[in-house]
Amino acid sequence: MTPAQAATRQAVLDNSRAEMLRELQAAHRIIRNMLGLLSVNQKAVLAARNARDGVDGEGTTRANEREAVIKRAGGAA
């Protein structure tokens, strides 16, 4: 691999990382907005479905886990 090819490859990786971070941050905000609209009963149903599907975490929507990943990636949650 030439230096130019390596630089191009690194730029593509950096752009992909930045894009994934922006998307995760957007998902984080969307989930928080959604939670603000749900009733207590709806939140309980959501928690049960997440547990059923094996995607439960510290909380109903894995907010703490998402925030940790966002921070490790250099973003702000």
PDB file of N, CA and C in Angstrom:
ATOM      1  N   MET A   1       0.850  -1.170   0.000  1.00  0.00           N
ATOM      2  CA  MET A   1       0.000   0.000   0.000  1.00  0.00           C
ATOM      3  C   MET A   1       0.898   1.235   0.000  1.00  0.00           C
ATOM      4  N   THR A   2       0.581   2.157  -0.870  1.00  0.00           N
ATOM      5  CA  THR A   2       1.364   3.385  -0.955  1.00  0.00           C
ATOM      6  C   THR A   2       0.934   4.342   0.153  1.00  0.00           C
ATOM      7  N   PRO A   3       1.765   5.342   0.447  1.00  0.00           N
ATOM      8  CA  PRO A   3       1.368   6.339   1.448  1.00  0.00           C
ATOM      9  C   PRO A   3       0.062   7.051   1.074  1.00  0.00           C
ATOM     10  N   ALA A   4      -0.132   7.311  -0.196  1.00  0.00           N
ATOM     11  CA  ALA A   4      -1.368   7.975  -0.627  1.00  0.00           C
ATOM     12  C   ALA A   4      -2.577   7.071  -0.397  1.00  0.00           C
ATOM     13  N   GLN A   5      -2.420   5.793  -0.689  1.00  0.00           N
ATOM     14  CA  GLN A   5      -3.510   4.848  -0.454  1.00  0.00           C
ATOM     15  C   GLN A   5      -3.812   4.725   1.038  1.00  0.00           C
ATOM     16  N   ALA A   6      -2.758   4.700   1.846  1.00  0.00           N
ATOM     17  CA  ALA A   6      -2.940   4.616   3.296  1.00  0.00           C
ATOM     18  C   ALA A   6      -3.660   5.855   3.822  1.00  0.00           C
ATOM     19  N   ALA A   7      -3.288   7.021   3.306  1.00  0.00           N
ATOM     20  CA  ALA A   7      -3.936   8.264   3.730  1.00  0.00           C
ATOM     21  C   ALA A   7      -5.407   8.275   3.329  1.00  0.00           C
ATOM     22  N   THR A   8      -5.684   7.799   2.125  1.00  0.00           N
ATOM     23  CA  THR A   8      -7.070   7.727   1.660  1.00  0.00           C
ATOM     24  C   THR A   8      -7.873   6.770   2.524  1.00  0.00           C
ATOM     25  N   ARG A   9      -7.289   5.627   2.805  1.00  0.00           N
ATOM     26  CA  ARG A   9      -7.974   4.632   3.642  1.00  0.00           C
ATOM     27  C   ARG A   9      -8.260   5.202   5.031  1.00  0.00           C
ATOM     28  N   GLN A  10      -7.284   5.905   5.614  1.00  0.00           N
ATOM     29  CA  GLN A  10      -7.472   6.499   6.936  1.00  0.00           C
ATOM     30  C   GLN A  10      -8.553   7.568   6.902  1.00  0.00           C
ATOM     31  N   ALA A  11      -8.587   8.370   5.846  1.00  0.00           N
ATOM     32  CA  ALA A  11      -9.614   9.409   5.725  1.00  0.00           C
ATOM     33  C   ALA A  11     -11.010   8.791   5.644  1.00  0.00           C
ATOM     34  N   VAL A  12     -11.129   7.697   4.908  1.00  0.00           N
ATOM     35  CA  VAL A  12     -12.418   7.005   4.800  1.00  0.00           C
ATOM     36  C   VAL A  12     -12.844   6.478   6.171  1.00  0.00           C
ATOM     37  N   LEU A  13     -11.904   5.884   6.903  1.00  0.00           N
ATOM     38  CA  LEU A  13     -12.219   5.378   8.244  1.00  0.00           C
ATOM     39  C   LEU A  13     -12.630   6.504   9.186  1.00  0.00           C
ATOM     40  N   ASP A  14     -11.897   7.614   9.138  1.00  0.00           N
ATOM     41  CA  ASP A  14     -12.221   8.753   9.995  1.00  0.00           C
ATOM     42  C   ASP A  14     -13.610   9.294   9.680  1.00  0.00           C
ATOM     43  N   ASN A  15     -13.934   9.400   8.394  1.00  0.00           N
ATOM     44  CA  ASN A  15     -15.259   9.883   7.997  1.00  0.00           C
ATOM     45  C   ASN A  15     -16.350   8.925   8.459  1.00  0.00           C
ATOM     46  N   SER A  16     -16.088   7.630   8.344  1.00  0.00           N
ATOM     47  CA  SER A  16     -17.071   6.629   8.777  1.00  0.00           C
ATOM     48  C   SER A  16     -17.298   6.715  10.279  1.00  0.00           C
ATOM     49  N   ARG A  17     -16.226   6.865  11.030  1.00  0.00           N
ATOM     50  CA  ARG A  17     -16.354   6.988  12.491  1.00  0.00           C
ATOM     51  C   ARG A  17     -17.173   8.217  12.864  1.00  0.00           C
ATOM     52  N   ALA A  18     -16.866   9.338  12.214  1.00  0.00           N
ATOM     53  CA  ALA A  18     -17.593  10.573  12.510  1.00  0.00           C
ATOM     54  C   ALA A  18     -19.069  10.433  12.157  1.00  0.00           C
ATOM     55  N   GLU A  19     -19.354   9.793  11.034  1.00  0.00           N
ATOM     56  CA  GLU A  19     -20.740   9.581  10.620  1.00  0.00           C
ATOM     57  C   GLU A  19     -21.478   8.679  11.609  1.00  0.00           C
ATOM     58  N   MET A  20     -20.827   7.611  12.055  1.00  0.00           N
ATOM     59  CA  MET A  20     -21.461   6.708  13.020  1.00  0.00           C
ATOM     60  C   MET A  20     -21.705   7.413  14.348  1.00  0.00           C
ATOM     61  N   LEU A  21     -20.767   8.246  14.777  1.00  0.00           N
ATOM     62  CA  LEU A  21     -20.941   8.989  16.021  1.00  0.00           C
ATOM     63  C   LEU A  21     -22.127   9.942  15.909  1.00  0.00           C
ATOM     64  N   ARG A  22     -22.219  10.678  14.797  1.00  0.00           N
ATOM     65  CA  ARG A  22     -23.357  11.589  14.610  1.00  0.00           C
ATOM     66  C   ARG A  22     -24.678  10.824  14.624  1.00  0.00           C
ATOM     67  N   GLU A  23     -24.698   9.675  13.984  1.00  0.00           N
ATOM     68  CA  GLU A  23     -25.926   8.873  13.930  1.00  0.00           C
ATOM     69  C   GLU A  23     -26.301   8.355  15.324  1.00  0.00           C
ATOM     70  N   LEU A  24     -25.312   7.919  16.099  1.00  0.00           N
ATOM     71  CA  LEU A  24     -25.582   7.446  17.456  1.00  0.00           C
ATOM     72  C   LEU A  24     -26.080   8.592  18.334  1.00  0.00           C
ATOM     73  N   GLN A  25     -25.487   9.779  18.175  1.00  0.00           N
ATOM     74  CA  GLN A  25     -25.945  10.934  18.940  1.00  0.00           C
ATOM     75  C   GLN A  25     -27.386  11.295  18.569  1.00  0.00           C
ATOM     76  N   ALA A  26     -27.715  11.225  17.282  1.00  0.00           N
ATOM     77  CA  ALA A  26     -29.084  11.511  16.845  1.00  0.00           C
ATOM     78  C   ALA A  26     -30.049  10.477  17.423  1.00  0.00           C
ATOM     79  N   ALA A  27     -29.669   9.201  17.378  1.00  0.00           N
ATOM     80  CA  ALA A  27     -30.522   8.143  17.937  1.00  0.00           C
ATOM     81  C   ALA A  27     -30.733   8.370  19.432  1.00  0.00           C
ATOM     82  N   HIS A  28     -29.687   8.790  20.120  1.00  0.00           N
ATOM     83  CA  HIS A  28     -29.770   9.054  21.556  1.00  0.00           C
ATOM     84  C   HIS A  28     -30.814  10.142  21.825  1.00  0.00           C
ATOM     85  N   ARG A  29     -30.768  11.207  21.049  1.00  0.00           N
ATOM     86  CA  ARG A  29     -31.718  12.309  21.222  1.00  0.00           C
ATOM     87  C   ARG A  29     -33.142  11.854  20.875  1.00  0.00           C
ATOM     88  N   ILE A  30     -33.296  11.109  19.780  1.00  0.00           N
ATOM     89  CA  ILE A  30     -34.618  10.624  19.363  1.00  0.00           C
ATOM     90  C   ILE A  30     -35.233   9.748  20.453  1.00  0.00           C
ATOM     91  N   ILE A  31     -34.427   8.858  21.022  1.00  0.00           N
ATOM     92  CA  ILE A  31     -34.932   7.966  22.073  1.00  0.00           C
ATOM     93  C   ILE A  31     -35.348   8.767  23.298  1.00  0.00           C
ATOM     94  N   ARG A  32     -34.557   9.762  23.668  1.00  0.00           N
ATOM     95  CA  ARG A  32     -34.927  10.605  24.817  1.00  0.00           C
ATOM     96  C   ARG A  32     -36.232  11.357  24.539  1.00  0.00           C
ATOM     97  N   ASN A  33     -36.360  11.883  23.319  1.00  0.00           N
ATOM     98  CA  ASN A  33     -37.601  12.581  22.958  1.00  0.00           C
ATOM     99  C   ASN A  33     -38.797  11.636  23.036  1.00  0.00           C
ATOM    100  N   MET A  34     -38.631  10.426  22.526  1.00  0.00           N
ATOM    101  CA  MET A  34     -39.703   9.433  22.535  1.00  0.00           C
ATOM    102  C   MET A  34     -40.112   9.102  23.969  1.00  0.00           C
ATOM    103  N   LEU A  35     -39.142   8.931  24.834  1.00  0.00           N
ATOM    104  CA  LEU A  35     -39.454   8.595  26.227  1.00  0.00           C
ATOM    105  C   LEU A  35     -40.283   9.690  26.892  1.00  0.00           C
ATOM    106  N   GLY A  36     -40.035  10.932  26.491  1.00  0.00           N
ATOM    107  CA  GLY A  36     -40.797  12.041  27.052  1.00  0.00           C
ATOM    108  C   GLY A  36     -42.264  12.034  26.652  1.00  0.00           C
ATOM    109  N   LEU A  37     -42.583  11.295  25.596  1.00  0.00           N
ATOM    110  CA  LEU A  37     -43.960  11.236  25.108  1.00  0.00           C
ATOM    111  C   LEU A  37     -44.726  10.009  25.587  1.00  0.00           C
ATOM    112  N   LEU A  38     -44.004   9.004  26.077  1.00  0.00           N
ATOM    113  CA  LEU A  38     -44.645   7.754  26.486  1.00  0.00           C
ATOM    114  C   LEU A  38     -45.218   7.857  27.892  1.00  0.00           C
ATOM    115  N   SER A  39     -46.331   7.171  28.093  1.00  0.00           N
ATOM    116  CA  SER A  39     -46.908   7.071  29.436  1.00  0.00           C
ATOM    117  C   SER A  39     -46.085   6.061  30.242  1.00  0.00           C
ATOM    118  N   VAL A  40     -46.322   6.014  31.531  1.00  0.00           N
ATOM    119  CA  VAL A  40     -45.634   5.051  32.392  1.00  0.00           C
ATOM    120  C   VAL A  40     -45.913   3.630  31.912  1.00  0.00           C
ATOM    121  N   ASN A  41     -47.160   3.349  31.552  1.00  0.00           N
ATOM    122  CA  ASN A  41     -47.528   2.020  31.072  1.00  0.00           C
ATOM    123  C   ASN A  41     -46.800   1.692  29.763  1.00  0.00           C
ATOM    124  N   GLN A  42     -46.728   2.650  28.860  1.00  0.00           N
ATOM    125  CA  GLN A  42     -46.035   2.424  27.590  1.00  0.00           C
ATOM    126  C   GLN A  42     -44.546   2.163  27.816  1.00  0.00           C
ATOM    127  N   LYS A  43     -43.955   2.873  28.766  1.00  0.00           N
ATOM    128  CA  LYS A  43     -42.543   2.646  29.090  1.00  0.00           C
ATOM    129  C   LYS A  43     -42.335   1.242  29.648  1.00  0.00           C
ATOM    130  N   ALA A  44     -43.297   0.761  30.429  1.00  0.00           N
ATOM    131  CA  ALA A  44     -43.202  -0.597  30.980  1.00  0.00           C
ATOM    132  C   ALA A  44     -43.277  -1.634  29.864  1.00  0.00           C
ATOM    133  N   VAL A  45     -44.151  -1.411  28.895  1.00  0.00           N
ATOM    134  CA  VAL A  45     -44.255  -2.323  27.748  1.00  0.00           C
ATOM    135  C   VAL A  45     -42.952  -2.300  26.957  1.00  0.00           C
ATOM    136  N   LEU A  46     -42.405  -1.120  26.744  1.00  0.00           N
ATOM    137  CA  LEU A  46     -41.129  -0.994  26.030  1.00  0.00           C
ATOM    138  C   LEU A  46     -40.030  -1.755  26.763  1.00  0.00           C
ATOM    139  N   ALA A  47     -39.961  -1.605  28.069  1.00  0.00           N
ATOM    140  CA  ALA A  47     -38.946  -2.306  28.863  1.00  0.00           C
ATOM    141  C   ALA A  47     -39.104  -3.816  28.737  1.00  0.00           C
ATOM    142  N   ALA A  48     -40.339  -4.290  28.783  1.00  0.00           N
ATOM    143  CA  ALA A  48     -40.588  -5.735  28.668  1.00  0.00           C
ATOM    144  C   ALA A  48     -40.165  -6.256  27.298  1.00  0.00           C
ATOM    145  N   ARG A  49     -40.467  -5.510  26.254  1.00  0.00           N
ATOM    146  CA  ARG A  49     -40.079  -5.945  24.900  1.00  0.00           C
ATOM    147  C   ARG A  49     -38.571  -5.927  24.722  1.00  0.00           C
ATOM    148  N   ASN A  50     -37.917  -4.904  25.265  1.00  0.00           N
ATOM    149  CA  ASN A  50     -36.457  -4.860  25.172  1.00  0.00           C
ATOM    150  C   ASN A  50     -35.835  -6.047  25.899  1.00  0.00           C
ATOM    151  N   ALA A  51     -36.378  -6.384  27.063  1.00  0.00           N
ATOM    152  CA  ALA A  51     -35.880  -7.548  27.810  1.00  0.00           C
ATOM    153  C   ALA A  51     -36.126  -8.826  27.020  1.00  0.00           C
ATOM    154  N   ARG A  52     -37.307  -8.946  26.448  1.00  0.00           N
ATOM    155  CA  ARG A  52     -37.645 -10.131  25.647  1.00  0.00           C
ATOM    156  C   ARG A  52     -36.669 -10.303  24.480  1.00  0.00           C
ATOM    157  N   ASP A  53     -36.289  -9.181  23.869  1.00  0.00           N
ATOM    158  CA  ASP A  53     -35.410  -9.220  22.701  1.00  0.00           C
ATOM    159  C   ASP A  53     -33.926  -9.229  23.065  1.00  0.00           C
ATOM    160  N   GLY A  54     -33.635  -9.219  24.368  1.00  0.00           N
ATOM    161  CA  GLY A  54     -32.248  -9.287  24.812  1.00  0.00           C
ATOM    162  C   GLY A  54     -31.457  -8.011  24.612  1.00  0.00           C
ATOM    163  N   VAL A  55     -32.153  -6.868  24.551  1.00  0.00           N
ATOM    164  CA  VAL A  55     -31.454  -5.596  24.366  1.00  0.00           C
ATOM    165  C   VAL A  55     -31.660  -4.655  25.547  1.00  0.00           C
ATOM    166  N   ASP A  56     -32.025  -5.229  26.693  1.00  0.00           N
ATOM    167  CA  ASP A  56     -32.149  -4.408  27.884  1.00  0.00           C
ATOM    168  C   ASP A  56     -30.764  -4.183  28.469  1.00  0.00           C
ATOM    169  N   GLY A  57     -30.658  -3.173  29.277  1.00  0.00           N
ATOM    170  CA  GLY A  57     -29.373  -2.854  29.895  1.00  0.00           C
ATOM    171  C   GLY A  57     -29.618  -2.293  31.272  1.00  0.00           C
ATOM    172  N   GLU A  58     -28.856  -1.269  31.624  1.00  0.00           N
ATOM    173  CA  GLU A  58     -29.027  -0.650  32.935  1.00  0.00           C
ATOM    174  C   GLU A  58     -30.392   0.014  33.060  1.00  0.00           C
ATOM    175  N   GLY A  59     -30.942   0.441  31.940  1.00  0.00           N
ATOM    176  CA  GLY A  59     -32.254   1.078  31.932  1.00  0.00           C
ATOM    177  C   GLY A  59     -33.057   0.593  30.736  1.00  0.00           C
ATOM    178  N   THR A  60     -34.228   1.121  30.605  1.00  0.00           N
ATOM    179  CA  THR A  60     -35.130   0.684  29.540  1.00  0.00           C
ATOM    180  C   THR A  60     -34.527   0.850  28.156  1.00  0.00           C
ATOM    181  N   THR A  61     -33.811   1.951  27.931  1.00  0.00           N
ATOM    182  CA  THR A  61     -33.326   2.245  26.575  1.00  0.00           C
ATOM    183  C   THR A  61     -31.807   2.219  26.440  1.00  0.00           C
ATOM    184  N   ARG A  62     -31.117   1.680  27.421  1.00  0.00           N
ATOM    185  CA  ARG A  62     -29.659   1.565  27.386  1.00  0.00           C
ATOM    186  C   ARG A  62     -28.974   2.936  27.258  1.00  0.00           C
ATOM    187  N   ALA A  63     -29.574   3.951  27.834  1.00  0.00           N
ATOM    188  CA  ALA A  63     -29.027   5.305  27.730  1.00  0.00           C
ATOM    189  C   ALA A  63     -27.612   5.389  28.282  1.00  0.00           C
ATOM    190  N   ASN A  64     -27.358   4.759  29.421  1.00  0.00           N
ATOM    191  CA  ASN A  64     -26.017   4.820  30.015  1.00  0.00           C
ATOM    192  C   ASN A  64     -24.985   4.165  29.108  1.00  0.00           C
ATOM    193  N   GLU A  65     -25.361   3.056  28.501  1.00  0.00           N
ATOM    194  CA  GLU A  65     -24.438   2.364  27.597  1.00  0.00           C
ATOM    195  C   GLU A  65     -24.159   3.222  26.359  1.00  0.00           C
ATOM    196  N   ARG A  66     -25.213   3.851  25.800  1.00  0.00           N
ATOM    197  CA  ARG A  66     -25.021   4.720  24.632  1.00  0.00           C
ATOM    198  C   ARG A  66     -24.148   5.910  24.980  1.00  0.00           C
ATOM    199  N   GLU A  67     -24.423   6.533  26.120  1.00  0.00           N
ATOM    200  CA  GLU A  67     -23.629   7.688  26.536  1.00  0.00           C
ATOM    201  C   GLU A  67     -22.159   7.320  26.684  1.00  0.00           C
ATOM    202  N   ALA A  68     -21.874   6.163  27.242  1.00  0.00           N
ATOM    203  CA  ALA A  68     -20.483   5.731  27.418  1.00  0.00           C
ATOM    204  C   ALA A  68     -19.794   5.551  26.072  1.00  0.00           C
ATOM    205  N   VAL A  69     -20.481   4.954  25.117  1.00  0.00           N
ATOM    206  CA  VAL A  69     -19.893   4.757  23.787  1.00  0.00           C
ATOM    207  C   VAL A  69     -19.676   6.102  23.102  1.00  0.00           C
ATOM    208  N   ILE A  70     -20.648   6.993  23.213  1.00  0.00           N
ATOM    209  CA  ILE A  70     -20.520   8.319  22.601  1.00  0.00           C
ATOM    210  C   ILE A  70     -19.319   9.049  23.183  1.00  0.00           C
ATOM    211  N   LYS A  71     -19.161   9.007  24.500  1.00  0.00           N
ATOM    212  CA  LYS A  71     -18.027   9.685  25.138  1.00  0.00           C
ATOM    213  C   LYS A  71     -16.697   9.063  24.730  1.00  0.00           C
ATOM    214  N   ARG A  72     -16.641   7.716  24.657  1.00  0.00           N
ATOM    215  CA  ARG A  72     -15.401   7.053  24.228  1.00  0.00           C
ATOM    216  C   ARG A  72     -15.043   7.424  22.796  1.00  0.00           C
ATOM    217  N   ALA A  73     -16.056   7.714  21.989  1.00  0.00           N
ATOM    218  CA  ALA A  73     -15.824   8.081  20.590  1.00  0.00           C
ATOM    219  C   ALA A  73     -15.513   9.569  20.438  1.00  0.00           C
ATOM    220  N   GLY A  74     -15.483  10.286  21.558  1.00  0.00           N
ATOM    221  CA  GLY A  74     -15.109  11.696  21.517  1.00  0.00           C
ATOM    222  C   GLY A  74     -16.271  12.653  21.363  1.00  0.00           C
ATOM    223  N   GLY A  75     -17.487  12.156  21.511  1.00  0.00           N
ATOM    224  CA  GLY A  75     -18.661  13.011  21.362  1.00  0.00           C
ATOM    225  C   GLY A  75     -19.247  13.407  22.698  1.00  0.00           C
ATOM    226  N   ALA A  76     -20.285  14.221  22.617  1.00  0.00           N
ATOM    227  CA  ALA A  76     -21.021  14.637  23.806  1.00  0.00           C
ATOM    228  C   ALA A  76     -22.420  14.059  23.719  1.00  0.00           C
ATOM    229  N   ALA A  77     -22.866  13.445  24.796  1.00  0.00           N
ATOM    230  CA  ALA A  77     -24.198  12.811  24.801  1.00  0.00           C
ATOM    231  C   ALA A  77     -25.272  13.831  25.094  1.00  0.00           C
TER     232      ALA A  77
END
